[in-house]
PDB file of N, CA and C in Angstrom:
ATOM      1  N   MET A   1      25.920  70.896  32.854  1.00  0.00           N
ATOM      2  CA  MET A   1      26.825  71.933  33.334  1.00  0.00           C
ATOM      3  C   MET A   1      27.150  72.849  32.163  1.00  0.00           C
ATOM      4  N   SER A   2      27.106  74.118  32.386  1.00  0.00           N
ATOM      5  CA  SER A   2      27.365  75.072  31.306  1.00  0.00           C
ATOM      6  C   SER A   2      28.868  75.242  31.076  1.00  0.00           C
ATOM      7  N   ALA A   3      29.201  75.753  29.902  1.00  0.00           N
ATOM      8  CA  ALA A   3      30.612  75.990  29.574  1.00  0.00           C
ATOM      9  C   ALA A   3      31.225  77.008  30.526  1.00  0.00           C
ATOM     10  N   LEU A   4      30.439  78.000  30.923  1.00  0.00           N
ATOM     11  CA  LEU A   4      30.946  79.016  31.843  1.00  0.00           C
ATOM     12  C   LEU A   4      31.372  78.388  33.163  1.00  0.00           C
ATOM     13  N   THR A   5      30.594  77.441  33.659  1.00  0.00           N
ATOM     14  CA  THR A   5      30.931  76.778  34.911  1.00  0.00           C
ATOM     15  C   THR A   5      32.225  75.986  34.770  1.00  0.00           C
ATOM     16  N   LEU A   6      32.401  75.310  33.645  1.00  0.00           N
ATOM     17  CA  LEU A   6      33.620  74.538  33.428  1.00  0.00           C
ATOM     18  C   LEU A   6      34.853  75.430  33.390  1.00  0.00           C
ATOM     19  N   VAL A   7      34.747  76.555  32.710  1.00  0.00           N
ATOM     20  CA  VAL A   7      35.873  77.482  32.646  1.00  0.00           C
ATOM     21  C   VAL A   7      36.186  78.013  34.035  1.00  0.00           C
ATOM     22  N   SER A   8      35.168  78.380  34.784  1.00  0.00           N
ATOM     23  CA  SER A   8      35.383  78.896  36.130  1.00  0.00           C
ATOM     24  C   SER A   8      36.047  77.862  37.018  1.00  0.00           C
ATOM     25  N   ALA A   9      35.631  76.615  36.923  1.00  0.00           N
ATOM     26  CA  ALA A   9      36.217  75.563  37.749  1.00  0.00           C
ATOM     27  C   ALA A   9      37.682  75.343  37.402  1.00  0.00           C
ATOM     28  N   SER A  10      38.035  75.441  36.125  1.00  0.00           N
ATOM     29  CA  SER A  10      39.435  75.227  35.751  1.00  0.00           C
ATOM     30  C   SER A  10      40.318  76.370  36.225  1.00  0.00           C
ATOM     31  N   VAL A  11      39.777  77.556  36.343  1.00  0.00           N
ATOM     32  CA  VAL A  11      40.562  78.691  36.834  1.00  0.00           C
ATOM     33  C   VAL A  11      40.770  78.571  38.335  1.00  0.00           C
ATOM     34  N   VAL A  12      39.757  78.132  39.055  1.00  0.00           N
ATOM     35  CA  VAL A  12      39.832  78.026  40.503  1.00  0.00           C
ATOM     36  C   VAL A  12      40.737  76.866  40.922  1.00  0.00           C
ATOM     37  N   ALA A  13      40.681  75.761  40.195  1.00  0.00           N
ATOM     38  CA  ALA A  13      41.471  74.584  40.556  1.00  0.00           C
ATOM     39  C   ALA A  13      42.465  74.274  39.444  1.00  0.00           C
ATOM     40  N   PRO A  14      43.657  74.867  39.485  1.00  0.00           N
ATOM     41  CA  PRO A  14      44.636  74.635  38.423  1.00  0.00           C
ATOM     42  C   PRO A  14      45.103  73.183  38.397  1.00  0.00           C
ATOM     43  N   SER A  15      45.535  72.760  37.258  1.00  0.00           N
ATOM     44  CA  SER A  15      46.026  71.400  37.075  1.00  0.00           C
ATOM     45  C   SER A  15      47.264  71.162  37.928  1.00  0.00           C
ATOM     46  N   VAL A  16      47.426  69.923  38.369  1.00  0.00           N
ATOM     47  CA  VAL A  16      48.600  69.550  39.165  1.00  0.00           C
ATOM     48  C   VAL A  16      49.870  69.683  38.325  1.00  0.00           C
ATOM     49  N   ASP A  17      49.740  69.554  37.008  1.00  0.00           N
ATOM     50  CA  ASP A  17      50.896  69.604  36.120  1.00  0.00           C
ATOM     51  C   ASP A  17      51.457  71.013  35.933  1.00  0.00           C
ATOM     52  N   GLN A  18      50.716  72.031  36.318  1.00  0.00           N
ATOM     53  CA  GLN A  18      51.191  73.398  36.132  1.00  0.00           C
ATOM     54  C   GLN A  18      52.271  73.721  37.151  1.00  0.00           C
ATOM     55  N   PRO A  19      53.414  74.239  36.687  1.00  0.00           N
ATOM     56  CA  PRO A  19      54.471  74.590  37.645  1.00  0.00           C
ATOM     57  C   PRO A  19      54.081  75.808  38.475  1.00  0.00           C
ATOM     58  N   LYS A  20      54.636  75.878  39.654  1.00  0.00           N
ATOM     59  CA  LYS A  20      54.407  77.028  40.530  1.00  0.00           C
ATOM     60  C   LYS A  20      55.044  78.257  39.879  1.00  0.00           C
ATOM     61  N   PRO A  21      54.331  79.381  39.853  1.00  0.00           N
ATOM     62  CA  PRO A  21      54.922  80.590  39.265  1.00  0.00           C
ATOM     63  C   PRO A  21      56.189  81.010  40.013  1.00  0.00           C
ATOM     64  N   LEU A  22      57.146  81.542  39.276  1.00  0.00           N
ATOM     65  CA  LEU A  22      58.393  82.002  39.883  1.00  0.00           C
ATOM     66  C   LEU A  22      58.166  83.318  40.609  1.00  0.00           C
ATOM     67  N   SER A  23      58.903  83.520  41.678  1.00  0.00           N
ATOM     68  CA  SER A  23      58.860  84.794  42.388  1.00  0.00           C
ATOM     69  C   SER A  23      59.586  85.844  41.549  1.00  0.00           C
ATOM     70  N   LEU A  24      59.427  87.082  41.899  1.00  0.00           N
ATOM     71  CA  LEU A  24      60.116  88.167  41.195  1.00  0.00           C
ATOM     72  C   LEU A  24      61.626  87.960  41.261  1.00  0.00           C
ATOM     73  N   GLU A  25      62.132  87.581  42.429  1.00  0.00           N
ATOM     74  CA  GLU A  25      63.574  87.377  42.579  1.00  0.00           C
ATOM     75  C   GLU A  25      64.050  86.208  41.716  1.00  0.00           C
ATOM     76  N   GLU A  26      63.269  85.132  41.666  1.00  0.00           N
ATOM     77  CA  GLU A  26      63.640  83.975  40.850  1.00  0.00           C
ATOM     78  C   GLU A  26      63.659  84.330  39.358  1.00  0.00           C
ATOM     79  N   ARG A  27      62.670  85.116  38.928  1.00  0.00           N
ATOM     80  CA  ARG A  27      62.654  85.545  37.525  1.00  0.00           C
ATOM     81  C   ARG A  27      63.834  86.456  37.222  1.00  0.00           C
ATOM     82  N   PHE A  28      64.177  87.328  38.167  1.00  0.00           N
ATOM     83  CA  PHE A  28      65.296  88.239  37.974  1.00  0.00           C
ATOM     84  C   PHE A  28      66.604  87.463  37.851  1.00  0.00           C
ATOM     85  N   VAL A  29      66.794  86.484  38.727  1.00  0.00           N
ATOM     86  CA  VAL A  29      68.014  85.676  38.691  1.00  0.00           C
ATOM     87  C   VAL A  29      68.084  84.883  37.383  1.00  0.00           C
ATOM     88  N   ALA A  30      66.956  84.362  36.927  1.00  0.00           N
ATOM     89  CA  ALA A  30      66.935  83.641  35.652  1.00  0.00           C
ATOM     90  C   ALA A  30      67.326  84.573  34.503  1.00  0.00           C
ATOM     91  N   GLU A  31      66.846  85.798  34.547  1.00  0.00           N
ATOM     92  CA  GLU A  31      67.207  86.795  33.523  1.00  0.00           C
ATOM     93  C   GLU A  31      68.704  87.097  33.588  1.00  0.00           C
ATOM     94  N   TRP A  32      69.235  87.205  34.811  1.00  0.00           N
ATOM     95  CA  TRP A  32      70.672  87.452  35.005  1.00  0.00           C
ATOM     96  C   TRP A  32      71.494  86.323  34.406  1.00  0.00           C
ATOM     97  N   MET A  33      71.085  85.088  34.696  1.00  0.00           N
ATOM     98  CA  MET A  33      71.820  83.930  34.201  1.00  0.00           C
ATOM     99  C   MET A  33      71.785  83.875  32.665  1.00  0.00           C
ATOM    100  N   ALA A  34      70.638  84.219  32.093  1.00  0.00           N
ATOM    101  CA  ALA A  34      70.533  84.230  30.629  1.00  0.00           C
ATOM    102  C   ALA A  34      71.430  85.308  30.031  1.00  0.00           C
ATOM    103  N   ALA A  35      71.465  86.478  30.657  1.00  0.00           N
ATOM    104  CA  ALA A  35      72.313  87.569  30.162  1.00  0.00           C
ATOM    105  C   ALA A  35      73.785  87.180  30.251  1.00  0.00           C
ATOM    106  N   ARG A  36      74.174  86.530  31.349  1.00  0.00           N
ATOM    107  CA  ARG A  36      75.569  86.080  31.498  1.00  0.00           C
ATOM    108  C   ARG A  36      75.909  85.038  30.432  1.00  0.00           C
ATOM    109  N   ALA A  37      74.986  84.095  30.213  1.00  0.00           N
ATOM    110  CA  ALA A  37      75.223  83.039  29.229  1.00  0.00           C
ATOM    111  C   ALA A  37      75.335  83.612  27.816  1.00  0.00           C
ATOM    112  N   ASP A  38      74.548  84.659  27.533  1.00  0.00           N
ATOM    113  CA  ASP A  38      74.579  85.300  26.215  1.00  0.00           C
ATOM    114  C   ASP A  38      75.749  86.264  26.072  1.00  0.00           C
ATOM    115  N   GLY A  39      76.384  86.626  27.193  1.00  0.00           N
ATOM    116  CA  GLY A  39      77.458  87.624  27.149  1.00  0.00           C
ATOM    117  C   GLY A  39      76.937  89.009  26.806  1.00  0.00           C
ATOM    118  N   ASP A  40      75.690  89.287  27.191  1.00  0.00           N
ATOM    119  CA  ASP A  40      75.027  90.555  26.865  1.00  0.00           C
ATOM    120  C   ASP A  40      75.375  91.605  27.919  1.00  0.00           C
ATOM    121  N   SER A  41      76.448  92.345  27.696  1.00  0.00           N
ATOM    122  CA  SER A  41      76.940  93.288  28.710  1.00  0.00           C
ATOM    123  C   SER A  41      75.960  94.431  28.974  1.00  0.00           C
ATOM    124  N   LYS A  42      75.208  94.858  27.978  1.00  0.00           N
ATOM    125  CA  LYS A  42      74.220  95.926  28.212  1.00  0.00           C
ATOM    126  C   LYS A  42      73.114  95.452  29.146  1.00  0.00           C
ATOM    127  N   ARG A  43      72.638  94.239  28.926  1.00  0.00           N
ATOM    128  CA  ARG A  43      71.577  93.696  29.786  1.00  0.00           C
ATOM    129  C   ARG A  43      72.121  93.446  31.189  1.00  0.00           C
ATOM    130  N   ILE A  44      73.352  92.972  31.294  1.00  0.00           N
ATOM    131  CA  ILE A  44      73.975  92.748  32.607  1.00  0.00           C
ATOM    132  C   ILE A  44      74.072  94.071  33.364  1.00  0.00           C
ATOM    133  N   LYS A  45      74.529  95.114  32.686  1.00  0.00           N
ATOM    134  CA  LYS A  45      74.646  96.429  33.326  1.00  0.00           C
ATOM    135  C   LYS A  45      73.279  96.929  33.791  1.00  0.00           C
ATOM    136  N   SER A  46      72.276  96.755  32.951  1.00  0.00           N
ATOM    137  CA  SER A  46      70.918  97.181  33.295  1.00  0.00           C
ATOM    138  C   SER A  46      70.392  96.412  34.507  1.00  0.00           C
ATOM    139  N   LEU A  47      70.628  95.111  34.542  1.00  0.00           N
ATOM    140  CA  LEU A  47      70.174  94.295  35.667  1.00  0.00           C
ATOM    141  C   LEU A  47      70.897  94.668  36.954  1.00  0.00           C
ATOM    142  N   ARG A  48      72.187  94.974  36.863  1.00  0.00           N
ATOM    143  CA  ARG A  48      72.939  95.406  38.053  1.00  0.00           C
ATOM    144  C   ARG A  48      72.406  96.748  38.568  1.00  0.00           C
ATOM    145  N   MET A  49      72.079  97.651  37.656  1.00  0.00           N
ATOM    146  CA  MET A  49      71.518  98.945  38.067  1.00  0.00           C
ATOM    147  C   MET A  49      70.183  98.737  38.785  1.00  0.00           C
ATOM    148  N   PHE A  50      69.362  97.832  38.265  1.00  0.00           N
ATOM    149  CA  PHE A  50      68.087  97.541  38.918  1.00  0.00           C
ATOM    150  C   PHE A  50      68.320  96.935  40.299  1.00  0.00           C
ATOM    151  N   ALA A  51      69.258  95.988  40.391  1.00  0.00           N
ATOM    152  CA  ALA A  51      69.538  95.353  41.682  1.00  0.00           C
ATOM    153  C   ALA A  51      69.984  96.387  42.713  1.00  0.00           C
ATOM    154  N   ARG A  52      70.796  97.355  42.289  1.00  0.00           N
ATOM    155  CA  ARG A  52      71.219  98.432  43.201  1.00  0.00           C
ATOM    156  C   ARG A  52      70.018  99.264  43.636  1.00  0.00           C
ATOM    157  N   SER A  53      69.078  99.505  42.724  1.00  0.00           N
ATOM    158  CA  SER A  53      67.935 100.368  43.034  1.00  0.00           C
ATOM    159  C   SER A  53      66.954  99.725  44.014  1.00  0.00           C
ATOM    160  N   VAL A  54      66.922  98.398  44.096  1.00  0.00           N
ATOM    161  CA  VAL A  54      66.016  97.721  45.023  1.00  0.00           C
ATOM    162  C   VAL A  54      66.752  97.206  46.247  1.00  0.00           C
ATOM    163  N   ASP A  55      67.921  97.744  46.505  1.00  0.00           N
ATOM    164  CA  ASP A  55      68.746  97.277  47.611  1.00  0.00           C
ATOM    165  C   ASP A  55      68.011  97.301  48.943  1.00  0.00           C
ATOM    166  N   GLY A  56      67.104  98.242  49.123  1.00  0.00           N
ATOM    167  CA  GLY A  56      66.352  98.314  50.382  1.00  0.00           C
ATOM    168  C   GLY A  56      65.431  97.123  50.576  1.00  0.00           C
ATOM    169  N   GLN A  57      64.824  96.632  49.497  1.00  0.00           N
ATOM    170  CA  GLN A  57      63.909  95.493  49.593  1.00  0.00           C
ATOM    171  C   GLN A  57      64.645  94.151  49.506  1.00  0.00           C
ATOM    172  N   LEU A  58      65.671  94.078  48.697  1.00  0.00           N
ATOM    173  CA  LEU A  58      66.429  92.831  48.496  1.00  0.00           C
ATOM    174  C   LEU A  58      67.914  93.129  48.698  1.00  0.00           C
ATOM    175  N   PRO A  59      68.338  93.348  49.954  1.00  0.00           N
ATOM    176  CA  PRO A  59      69.695  93.830  50.208  1.00  0.00           C
ATOM    177  C   PRO A  59      70.819  92.897  49.767  1.00  0.00           C
ATOM    178  N   THR A  60      70.554  91.622  49.606  1.00  0.00           N
ATOM    179  CA  THR A  60      71.630  90.706  49.220  1.00  0.00           C
ATOM    180  C   THR A  60      71.623  90.373  47.730  1.00  0.00           C
ATOM    181  N   LEU A  61      70.694  90.937  46.971  1.00  0.00           N
ATOM    182  CA  LEU A  61      70.553  90.560  45.565  1.00  0.00           C
ATOM    183  C   LEU A  61      71.822  90.827  44.756  1.00  0.00           C
ATOM    184  N   LEU A  62      72.403  91.994  44.883  1.00  0.00           N
ATOM    185  CA  LEU A  62      73.602  92.323  44.109  1.00  0.00           C
ATOM    186  C   LEU A  62      74.751  91.390  44.478  1.00  0.00           C
ATOM    187  N   ALA A  63      74.917  91.114  45.754  1.00  0.00           N
ATOM    188  CA  ALA A  63      75.972  90.183  46.193  1.00  0.00           C
ATOM    189  C   ALA A  63      75.720  88.779  45.642  1.00  0.00           C
ATOM    190  N   GLU A  64      74.451  88.366  45.605  1.00  0.00           N
ATOM    191  CA  GLU A  64      74.128  87.054  45.047  1.00  0.00           C
ATOM    192  C   GLU A  64      74.465  86.998  43.565  1.00  0.00           C
ATOM    193  N   LEU A  65      74.159  88.061  42.843  1.00  0.00           N
ATOM    194  CA  LEU A  65      74.463  88.104  41.413  1.00  0.00           C
ATOM    195  C   LEU A  65      75.980  88.025  41.188  1.00  0.00           C
ATOM    196  N   ASP A  66      76.724  88.752  41.992  1.00  0.00           N
ATOM    197  CA  ASP A  66      78.182  88.715  41.869  1.00  0.00           C
ATOM    198  C   ASP A  66      78.715  87.319  42.170  1.00  0.00           C
ATOM    199  N   GLY A  67      78.057  86.600  43.053  1.00  0.00           N
ATOM    200  CA  GLY A  67      78.497  85.269  43.424  1.00  0.00           C
ATOM    201  C   GLY A  67      78.255  84.210  42.364  1.00  0.00           C
ATOM    202  N   PHE A  68      77.456  84.507  41.349  1.00  0.00           N
ATOM    203  CA  PHE A  68      77.197  83.525  40.304  1.00  0.00           C
ATOM    204  C   PHE A  68      78.433  83.205  39.494  1.00  0.00           C
ATOM    205  N   ASN A  69      79.409  84.078  39.511  1.00  0.00           N
ATOM    206  CA  ASN A  69      80.606  83.863  38.705  1.00  0.00           C
ATOM    207  C   ASN A  69      81.625  82.945  39.374  1.00  0.00           C
ATOM    208  N   TYR A  70      81.372  82.580  40.618  1.00  0.00           N
ATOM    209  CA  TYR A  70      82.351  81.794  41.376  1.00  0.00           C
ATOM    210  C   TYR A  70      81.733  80.492  41.835  1.00  0.00           C
ATOM    211  N   PRO A  71      82.450  79.380  41.745  1.00  0.00           N
ATOM    212  CA  PRO A  71      81.909  78.103  42.238  1.00  0.00           C
ATOM    213  C   PRO A  71      81.791  78.131  43.759  1.00  0.00           C
ATOM    214  N   ALA A  72      80.865  77.334  44.257  1.00  0.00           N
ATOM    215  CA  ALA A  72      80.680  77.252  45.704  1.00  0.00           C
ATOM    216  C   ALA A  72      81.912  76.647  46.363  1.00  0.00           C
ATOM    217  N   ALA A  73      82.186  77.087  47.564  1.00  0.00           N
ATOM    218  CA  ALA A  73      83.333  76.547  48.305  1.00  0.00           C
ATOM    219  C   ALA A  73      83.050  75.094  48.657  1.00  0.00           C
ATOM    220  N   ALA A  74      84.053  74.275  48.558  1.00  0.00           N
ATOM    221  CA  ALA A  74      83.882  72.837  48.841  1.00  0.00           C
ATOM    222  C   ALA A  74      83.946  72.565  50.317  1.00  0.00           C
TER     223      ALA A  74
END
């Protein structure tokens, strides 16, 4: 078996150990959480502006971000 075939097979069949890639929304929320943890107000403001701009595609995103500051109701 040639090296090219081995490389191709590994690309087609990823390892079971590889985590599933995050969705755009999941990556955005992770970035939001990191900005909040760092207290980075400029990044928080920028992320809120982006969330407002995509309101048509993700209408609850801004509300979800605002909800991160409050514990869930018991």
